[in-house]
Amino acid sequence: MRVPAQSVCTAIRDDIVAGVHERGGRLTEELLARRYGVSRVPVREALRTLEAEGFVVTRRHAGACVAEPTEQEAADLLEMRGLLEPLGAARAAQRRTEAHLKVLRGLVRLGQERARRGNSEDLRSLGSWFHETLAQASGSPALTSMLTQLRHKIAWMYAVEAPASPVEAWAEHGAIVDAVARGDSERARAITAMHTERANGAHRLKLSAGPERVRNSQHPVNMSGQPY
């Protein structure tokens, strides 16, 4: 069975974000095919997609390599998210479905409960799920795709400190959902802008990973995973 390039792309992207493939390192089709247990064809397609996303660059005499973003490029990502997240929330207030609201409210309940208990690991995954669902509720596939790419590139370039007050952070999530549920796009935009600005302040630029920090990953592509 032919492995979809999308699954290979997700696996390579995840390993780039995690630091398995160090910045500036070469990405040869043969080694990648062996690492992920696939043929070279989906690897080649995946590298083209990752180059379009900015994770990979093609260099003369070297071929495909992991990109090496500058500090300015990293800062631009946070600024872009500060503009697009509020736009997504405003659109969600106009276009959300009852299904979106049900998921968002459930996530807020869980998040507020975990915040009171101080379970930071759960909070991080719940927060990602919340913002992904909010983006989907915007009814704009293009905007959702852009925000998804931004989140992954930001996770690649930045380490995130836990919020000083998780309870307050999840209260903001709740306020966003309330505004979205009422169809109040301006309030949804304003609260999300404030929330995003606060979250951006907790990001710290990662240092370039040297060989001693690169982790090994030899697992084949997980075909049961959800597409990106």
C-alpha atoms as a PDB file:
ATOM      1  CA  MET A   1       0.000   0.000   0.000  1.00  0.00           C
ATOM      2  CA  ARG A   2       1.349   3.394  -0.981  1.00  0.00           C
ATOM      3  CA  VAL A   3       1.906   5.666   2.003  1.00  0.00           C
ATOM      4  CA  PRO A   4       0.284   9.103   1.473  1.00  0.00           C
ATOM      5  CA  ALA A   5       2.782  11.956   1.216  1.00  0.00           C
ATOM      6  CA  GLN A   6       0.646  13.851   3.746  1.00  0.00           C
ATOM      7  CA  SER A   7       1.412  11.274   6.435  1.00  0.00           C
ATOM      8  CA  VAL A   8       5.129  11.427   5.645  1.00  0.00           C
ATOM      9  CA  CYS A   9       4.982  15.224   5.641  1.00  0.00           C
ATOM     10  CA  THR A  10       3.357  15.231   9.089  1.00  0.00           C
ATOM     11  CA  ALA A  11       5.998  12.869  10.477  1.00  0.00           C
ATOM     12  CA  ILE A  12       8.929  14.903   9.122  1.00  0.00           C
ATOM     13  CA  ARG A  13       7.353  18.189  10.227  1.00  0.00           C
ATOM     14  CA  ASP A  14       6.741  16.874  13.745  1.00  0.00           C
ATOM     15  CA  ASP A  15      10.368  15.757  14.008  1.00  0.00           C
ATOM     16  CA  ILE A  16      11.631  19.127  12.747  1.00  0.00           C
ATOM     17  CA  VAL A  17       9.524  20.911  15.375  1.00  0.00           C
ATOM     18  CA  ALA A  18      10.769  18.503  18.067  1.00  0.00           C
ATOM     19  CA  GLY A  19      14.412  19.064  17.095  1.00  0.00           C
ATOM     20  CA  VAL A  20      15.037  15.553  15.758  1.00  0.00           C
ATOM     21  CA  HIS A  21      16.284  17.132  12.523  1.00  0.00           C
ATOM     22  CA  GLU A  22      18.537  20.037  13.528  1.00  0.00           C
ATOM     23  CA  ARG A  23      18.348  23.408  11.837  1.00  0.00           C
ATOM     24  CA  GLY A  24      20.567  23.580   8.779  1.00  0.00           C
ATOM     25  CA  GLY A  25      20.863  19.788   8.643  1.00  0.00           C
ATOM     26  CA  ARG A  26      20.564  17.940   5.338  1.00  0.00           C
ATOM     27  CA  LEU A  27      17.433  15.953   4.576  1.00  0.00           C
ATOM     28  CA  THR A  28      18.313  13.248   2.075  1.00  0.00           C
ATOM     29  CA  GLU A  29      15.476  11.306   0.475  1.00  0.00           C
ATOM     30  CA  GLU A  30      17.188   7.946   0.970  1.00  0.00           C
ATOM     31  CA  LEU A  31      17.810   8.416   4.703  1.00  0.00           C
ATOM     32  CA  LEU A  32      14.347   9.841   5.307  1.00  0.00           C
ATOM     33  CA  ALA A  33      12.707   6.967   3.441  1.00  0.00           C
ATOM     34  CA  ARG A  34      14.622   4.510   5.610  1.00  0.00           C
ATOM     35  CA  ARG A  35      13.855   6.408   8.821  1.00  0.00           C
ATOM     36  CA  TYR A  36      10.106   6.514   8.253  1.00  0.00           C
ATOM     37  CA  GLY A  37       9.778   3.151   6.539  1.00  0.00           C
ATOM     38  CA  VAL A  38       8.476   4.468   3.210  1.00  0.00           C
ATOM     39  CA  SER A  39       9.604   4.818  -0.401  1.00  0.00           C
ATOM     40  CA  ARG A  40      11.379   7.906  -1.719  1.00  0.00           C
ATOM     41  CA  VAL A  41       8.348   9.103  -3.718  1.00  0.00           C
ATOM     42  CA  PRO A  42       6.213  10.330  -0.747  1.00  0.00           C
ATOM     43  CA  VAL A  43       9.369  11.719   0.873  1.00  0.00           C
ATOM     44  CA  ARG A  44      10.060  13.821  -2.221  1.00  0.00           C
ATOM     45  CA  GLU A  45       6.489  15.132  -2.225  1.00  0.00           C
ATOM     46  CA  ALA A  46       6.614  15.823   1.511  1.00  0.00           C
ATOM     47  CA  LEU A  47       9.822  17.843   1.169  1.00  0.00           C
ATOM     48  CA  ARG A  48       8.216  20.020  -1.499  1.00  0.00           C
ATOM     49  CA  THR A  49       5.281  20.722   0.825  1.00  0.00           C
ATOM     50  CA  LEU A  50       7.577  21.481   3.767  1.00  0.00           C
ATOM     51  CA  GLU A  51       9.615  23.839   1.612  1.00  0.00           C
ATOM     52  CA  ALA A  52       6.441  25.742   0.698  1.00  0.00           C
ATOM     53  CA  GLU A  53       5.619  25.952   4.441  1.00  0.00           C
ATOM     54  CA  GLY A  54       9.067  27.309   5.301  1.00  0.00           C
ATOM     55  CA  PHE A  55      10.399  24.339   7.257  1.00  0.00           C
ATOM     56  CA  VAL A  56      12.783  23.222   4.495  1.00  0.00           C
ATOM     57  CA  VAL A  57      15.034  25.033   2.018  1.00  0.00           C
ATOM     58  CA  THR A  58      16.822  23.715  -1.069  1.00  0.00           C
ATOM     59  CA  ARG A  59      20.484  24.685  -1.268  1.00  0.00           C
ATOM     60  CA  ARG A  60      22.782  24.422  -4.242  1.00  0.00           C
ATOM     61  CA  HIS A  61      25.133  21.433  -3.961  1.00  0.00           C
ATOM     62  CA  ALA A  62      23.429  20.357  -0.696  1.00  0.00           C
ATOM     63  CA  GLY A  63      19.822  19.655  -1.651  1.00  0.00           C
ATOM     64  CA  ALA A  64      17.023  19.800   0.922  1.00  0.00           C
ATOM     65  CA  CYS A  65      17.989  21.141   4.358  1.00  0.00           C
ATOM     66  CA  VAL A  66      16.099  22.171   7.480  1.00  0.00           C
ATOM     67  CA  ALA A  67      15.515  25.926   7.365  1.00  0.00           C
ATOM     68  CA  GLU A  68      17.348  28.287   9.722  1.00  0.00           C
ATOM     69  CA  PRO A  69      14.891  31.107  10.495  1.00  0.00           C
ATOM     70  CA  THR A  70      16.205  34.424  11.757  1.00  0.00           C
ATOM     71  CA  GLU A  71      15.080  36.130  14.968  1.00  0.00           C
ATOM     72  CA  GLN A  72      13.177  38.656  12.867  1.00  0.00           C
ATOM     73  CA  GLU A  73      11.320  35.907  11.029  1.00  0.00           C
ATOM     74  CA  ALA A  74      10.429  34.325  14.367  1.00  0.00           C
ATOM     75  CA  ALA A  75       9.189  37.666  15.729  1.00  0.00           C
ATOM     76  CA  ASP A  76       7.072  38.146  12.601  1.00  0.00           C
ATOM     77  CA  LEU A  77       5.261  34.883  13.341  1.00  0.00           C
ATOM     78  CA  LEU A  78       4.076  36.114  16.732  1.00  0.00           C
ATOM     79  CA  GLU A  79       2.933  39.381  15.184  1.00  0.00           C
ATOM     80  CA  MET A  80       1.034  37.514  12.479  1.00  0.00           C
ATOM     81  CA  ARG A  81      -0.666  35.328  15.061  1.00  0.00           C
ATOM     82  CA  GLY A  82      -1.602  38.453  17.003  1.00  0.00           C
ATOM     83  CA  LEU A  83      -3.503  39.644  13.927  1.00  0.00           C
ATOM     84  CA  LEU A  84      -4.997  36.357  12.710  1.00  0.00           C
ATOM     85  CA  GLU A  85      -6.195  34.802  15.983  1.00  0.00           C
ATOM     86  CA  PRO A  86      -8.539  37.763  16.727  1.00  0.00           C
ATOM     87  CA  LEU A  87      -9.774  37.701  13.128  1.00  0.00           C
ATOM     88  CA  GLY A  88     -10.558  34.000  13.473  1.00  0.00           C
ATOM     89  CA  ALA A  89     -12.496  34.618  16.690  1.00  0.00           C
ATOM     90  CA  ALA A  90     -14.502  37.412  15.061  1.00  0.00           C
ATOM     91  CA  ARG A  91     -15.364  35.159  12.130  1.00  0.00           C
ATOM     92  CA  ALA A  92     -16.272  32.346  14.534  1.00  0.00           C
ATOM     93  CA  ALA A  93     -18.817  34.631  16.222  1.00  0.00           C
ATOM     94  CA  GLN A  94     -20.505  35.000  12.826  1.00  0.00           C
ATOM     95  CA  ARG A  95     -20.158  31.464  11.460  1.00  0.00           C
ATOM     96  CA  ARG A  96     -19.835  28.976  14.332  1.00  0.00           C
ATOM     97  CA  THR A  97     -22.123  25.978  14.525  1.00  0.00           C
ATOM     98  CA  GLU A  98     -23.726  24.458  17.607  1.00  0.00           C
ATOM     99  CA  ALA A  99     -21.246  21.587  17.289  1.00  0.00           C
ATOM    100  CA  HIS A 100     -18.342  24.035  17.535  1.00  0.00           C
ATOM    101  CA  LEU A 101     -19.883  25.667  20.591  1.00  0.00           C
ATOM    102  CA  LYS A 102     -20.397  22.321  22.288  1.00  0.00           C
ATOM    103  CA  VAL A 103     -16.724  21.389  21.846  1.00  0.00           C
ATOM    104  CA  LEU A 104     -15.470  24.839  22.889  1.00  0.00           C
ATOM    105  CA  ARG A 105     -17.622  24.896  26.030  1.00  0.00           C
ATOM    106  CA  GLY A 106     -16.507  21.382  26.929  1.00  0.00           C
ATOM    107  CA  LEU A 107     -12.861  22.366  26.539  1.00  0.00           C
ATOM    108  CA  VAL A 108     -13.364  25.436  28.717  1.00  0.00           C
ATOM    109  CA  ARG A 109     -14.949  23.335  31.460  1.00  0.00           C
ATOM    110  CA  LEU A 110     -12.068  20.876  31.355  1.00  0.00           C
ATOM    111  CA  GLY A 111      -9.476  23.626  31.176  1.00  0.00           C
ATOM    112  CA  GLN A 112     -10.904  25.505  34.136  1.00  0.00           C
ATOM    113  CA  GLU A 113     -11.054  22.302  36.159  1.00  0.00           C
ATOM    114  CA  ARG A 114      -7.435  21.370  35.302  1.00  0.00           C
ATOM    115  CA  ALA A 115      -6.296  24.948  35.983  1.00  0.00           C
ATOM    116  CA  ARG A 116      -7.694  24.796  39.489  1.00  0.00           C
ATOM    117  CA  ARG A 117      -5.846  21.509  40.002  1.00  0.00           C
ATOM    118  CA  GLY A 118      -2.607  22.845  38.525  1.00  0.00           C
ATOM    119  CA  ASN A 119      -2.207  20.152  35.844  1.00  0.00           C
ATOM    120  CA  SER A 120       0.000  22.039  33.364  1.00  0.00           C
ATOM    121  CA  GLU A 121       0.525  19.179  30.879  1.00  0.00           C
ATOM    122  CA  ASP A 122      -3.204  18.724  30.344  1.00  0.00           C
ATOM    123  CA  LEU A 123      -3.639  22.484  30.027  1.00  0.00           C
ATOM    124  CA  ARG A 124      -1.165  22.763  27.156  1.00  0.00           C
ATOM    125  CA  SER A 125      -2.898  20.106  25.050  1.00  0.00           C
ATOM    126  CA  LEU A 126      -6.353  21.465  25.933  1.00  0.00           C
ATOM    127  CA  GLY A 127      -5.237  24.964  24.955  1.00  0.00           C
ATOM    128  CA  SER A 128      -4.031  23.749  21.563  1.00  0.00           C
ATOM    129  CA  TRP A 129      -7.309  21.916  21.016  1.00  0.00           C
ATOM    130  CA  PHE A 130      -9.278  25.019  22.013  1.00  0.00           C
ATOM    131  CA  HIS A 131      -7.503  27.296  19.538  1.00  0.00           C
ATOM    132  CA  GLU A 132      -7.695  24.726  16.731  1.00  0.00           C
ATOM    133  CA  THR A 133     -11.455  24.407  17.271  1.00  0.00           C
ATOM    134  CA  LEU A 134     -11.887  28.185  17.426  1.00  0.00           C
ATOM    135  CA  ALA A 135     -10.050  28.509  14.105  1.00  0.00           C
ATOM    136  CA  GLN A 136     -12.246  25.816  12.536  1.00  0.00           C
ATOM    137  CA  ALA A 137     -15.335  27.652  13.792  1.00  0.00           C
ATOM    138  CA  SER A 138     -14.290  30.647  11.662  1.00  0.00           C
ATOM    139  CA  GLY A 139     -15.639  28.791   8.633  1.00  0.00           C
ATOM    140  CA  SER A 140     -12.550  29.770   6.644  1.00  0.00           C
ATOM    141  CA  PRO A 141     -10.352  26.839   5.550  1.00  0.00           C
ATOM    142  CA  ALA A 142      -7.649  29.257   4.370  1.00  0.00           C
ATOM    143  CA  LEU A 143      -7.503  31.051   7.726  1.00  0.00           C
ATOM    144  CA  THR A 144      -7.588  27.755   9.625  1.00  0.00           C
ATOM    145  CA  SER A 145      -4.696  26.427   7.535  1.00  0.00           C
ATOM    146  CA  MET A 146      -2.633  29.594   8.087  1.00  0.00           C
ATOM    147  CA  LEU A 147      -3.184  29.476  11.850  1.00  0.00           C
ATOM    148  CA  THR A 148      -2.267  25.784  11.955  1.00  0.00           C
ATOM    149  CA  GLN A 149       1.018  26.474  10.143  1.00  0.00           C
ATOM    150  CA  LEU A 150       1.728  29.417  12.431  1.00  0.00           C
ATOM    151  CA  ARG A 151       1.207  27.327  15.566  1.00  0.00           C
ATOM    152  CA  HIS A 152       3.611  24.656  14.391  1.00  0.00           C
ATOM    153  CA  LYS A 153       6.293  27.097  13.289  1.00  0.00           C
ATOM    154  CA  ILE A 154       5.983  28.991  16.575  1.00  0.00           C
ATOM    155  CA  ALA A 155       6.322  25.696  18.487  1.00  0.00           C
ATOM    156  CA  TRP A 156       9.486  25.026  16.458  1.00  0.00           C
ATOM    157  CA  MET A 157      11.090  28.383  17.204  1.00  0.00           C
ATOM    158  CA  TYR A 158       9.867  29.147  20.722  1.00  0.00           C
ATOM    159  CA  ALA A 159       9.698  27.619  24.170  1.00  0.00           C
ATOM    160  CA  VAL A 160       6.575  28.639  26.072  1.00  0.00           C
ATOM    161  CA  GLU A 161       6.495  29.423  29.769  1.00  0.00           C
ATOM    162  CA  ALA A 162       3.473  28.285  31.743  1.00  0.00           C
ATOM    163  CA  PRO A 163       1.059  31.173  32.398  1.00  0.00           C
ATOM    164  CA  ALA A 164       1.476  32.849  35.767  1.00  0.00           C
ATOM    165  CA  SER A 165      -2.260  32.393  36.360  1.00  0.00           C
ATOM    166  CA  PRO A 166      -3.731  29.417  34.466  1.00  0.00           C
ATOM    167  CA  VAL A 167      -7.124  30.092  36.054  1.00  0.00           C
ATOM    168  CA  GLU A 168      -7.142  33.607  34.587  1.00  0.00           C
ATOM    169  CA  ALA A 169      -6.010  32.320  31.191  1.00  0.00           C
ATOM    170  CA  TRP A 170      -8.899  29.857  31.071  1.00  0.00           C
ATOM    171  CA  ALA A 171     -11.316  32.527  32.246  1.00  0.00           C
ATOM    172  CA  GLU A 172     -10.281  34.428  29.093  1.00  0.00           C
ATOM    173  CA  HIS A 173     -11.010  31.316  27.033  1.00  0.00           C
ATOM    174  CA  GLY A 174     -14.446  31.214  28.601  1.00  0.00           C
ATOM    175  CA  ALA A 175     -15.046  34.889  27.807  1.00  0.00           C
ATOM    176  CA  ILE A 176     -14.086  34.285  24.173  1.00  0.00           C
ATOM    177  CA  VAL A 177     -16.587  31.429  23.903  1.00  0.00           C
ATOM    178  CA  ASP A 178     -19.318  33.548  25.527  1.00  0.00           C
ATOM    179  CA  ALA A 179     -18.760  36.290  22.934  1.00  0.00           C
ATOM    180  CA  VAL A 180     -18.717  33.764  20.088  1.00  0.00           C
ATOM    181  CA  ALA A 181     -21.932  32.163  21.362  1.00  0.00           C
ATOM    182  CA  ARG A 182     -23.662  35.582  21.435  1.00  0.00           C
ATOM    183  CA  GLY A 183     -22.479  36.420  17.940  1.00  0.00           C
ATOM    184  CA  ASP A 184     -20.557  39.431  19.287  1.00  0.00           C
ATOM    185  CA  SER A 185     -17.695  39.518  16.804  1.00  0.00           C
ATOM    186  CA  GLU A 186     -16.121  42.740  18.109  1.00  0.00           C
ATOM    187  CA  ARG A 187     -15.935  41.502  21.689  1.00  0.00           C
ATOM    188  CA  ALA A 188     -14.623  38.113  20.523  1.00  0.00           C
ATOM    189  CA  ARG A 189     -11.931  39.929  18.537  1.00  0.00           C
ATOM    190  CA  ALA A 190     -10.985  42.223  21.440  1.00  0.00           C
ATOM    191  CA  ILE A 191     -10.728  39.499  24.091  1.00  0.00           C
ATOM    192  CA  THR A 192      -8.764  37.224  21.760  1.00  0.00           C
ATOM    193  CA  ALA A 193      -6.358  40.054  20.906  1.00  0.00           C
ATOM    194  CA  MET A 194      -5.703  40.637  24.607  1.00  0.00           C
ATOM    195  CA  HIS A 195      -5.358  36.899  25.254  1.00  0.00           C
ATOM    196  CA  THR A 196      -2.944  36.429  22.322  1.00  0.00           C
ATOM    197  CA  GLU A 197      -0.794  39.398  23.357  1.00  0.00           C
ATOM    198  CA  ARG A 198      -0.505  37.973  26.864  1.00  0.00           C
ATOM    199  CA  ALA A 199       0.360  34.516  25.488  1.00  0.00           C
ATOM    200  CA  ASN A 200       2.988  35.926  23.107  1.00  0.00           C
ATOM    201  CA  GLY A 201       4.762  37.481  26.083  1.00  0.00           C
ATOM    202  CA  ALA A 202       5.383  33.999  27.498  1.00  0.00           C
ATOM    203  CA  HIS A 203       7.317  32.859  24.411  1.00  0.00           C
ATOM    204  CA  ARG A 204      11.102  32.601  24.591  1.00  0.00           C
ATOM    205  CA  LEU A 205      13.184  32.079  21.465  1.00  0.00           C
ATOM    206  CA  LYS A 206      14.895  28.690  21.418  1.00  0.00           C
ATOM    207  CA  LEU A 207      18.632  28.447  20.914  1.00  0.00           C
ATOM    208  CA  SER A 208      19.785  26.552  17.850  1.00  0.00           C
ATOM    209  CA  ALA A 209      19.992  22.880  18.664  1.00  0.00           C
ATOM    210  CA  GLY A 210      23.475  21.412  18.382  1.00  0.00           C
ATOM    211  CA  PRO A 211      24.129  17.731  17.621  1.00  0.00           C
ATOM    212  CA  GLU A 212      24.160  16.830  21.294  1.00  0.00           C
ATOM    213  CA  ARG A 213      20.544  18.032  21.629  1.00  0.00           C
ATOM    214  CA  VAL A 214      19.202  16.208  18.594  1.00  0.00           C
ATOM    215  CA  ARG A 215      16.993  13.268  19.490  1.00  0.00           C
ATOM    216  CA  ASN A 216      16.749  10.075  17.474  1.00  0.00           C
ATOM    217  CA  SER A 217      13.533   8.966  15.789  1.00  0.00           C
ATOM    218  CA  GLN A 218      13.539   5.769  13.789  1.00  0.00           C
ATOM    219  CA  HIS A 219       9.842   4.876  13.951  1.00  0.00           C
ATOM    220  CA  PRO A 220       7.875   4.243  10.741  1.00  0.00           C
ATOM    221  CA  VAL A 221       5.074   6.594   9.767  1.00  0.00           C
ATOM    222  CA  ASN A 222       1.971   6.088  11.923  1.00  0.00           C
ATOM    223  CA  MET A 223      -0.781   5.521   9.400  1.00  0.00           C
ATOM    224  CA  SER A 224      -3.502   5.608  12.045  1.00  0.00           C
ATOM    225  CA  GLY A 225      -2.834   9.241  12.918  1.00  0.00           C
ATOM    226  CA  GLN A 226      -5.203  11.987  11.898  1.00  0.00           C
ATOM    227  CA  PRO A 227      -4.201  14.039   8.813  1.00  0.00           C
ATOM    228  CA  TYR A 228      -2.850  17.428   9.457  1.00  0.00           C
END
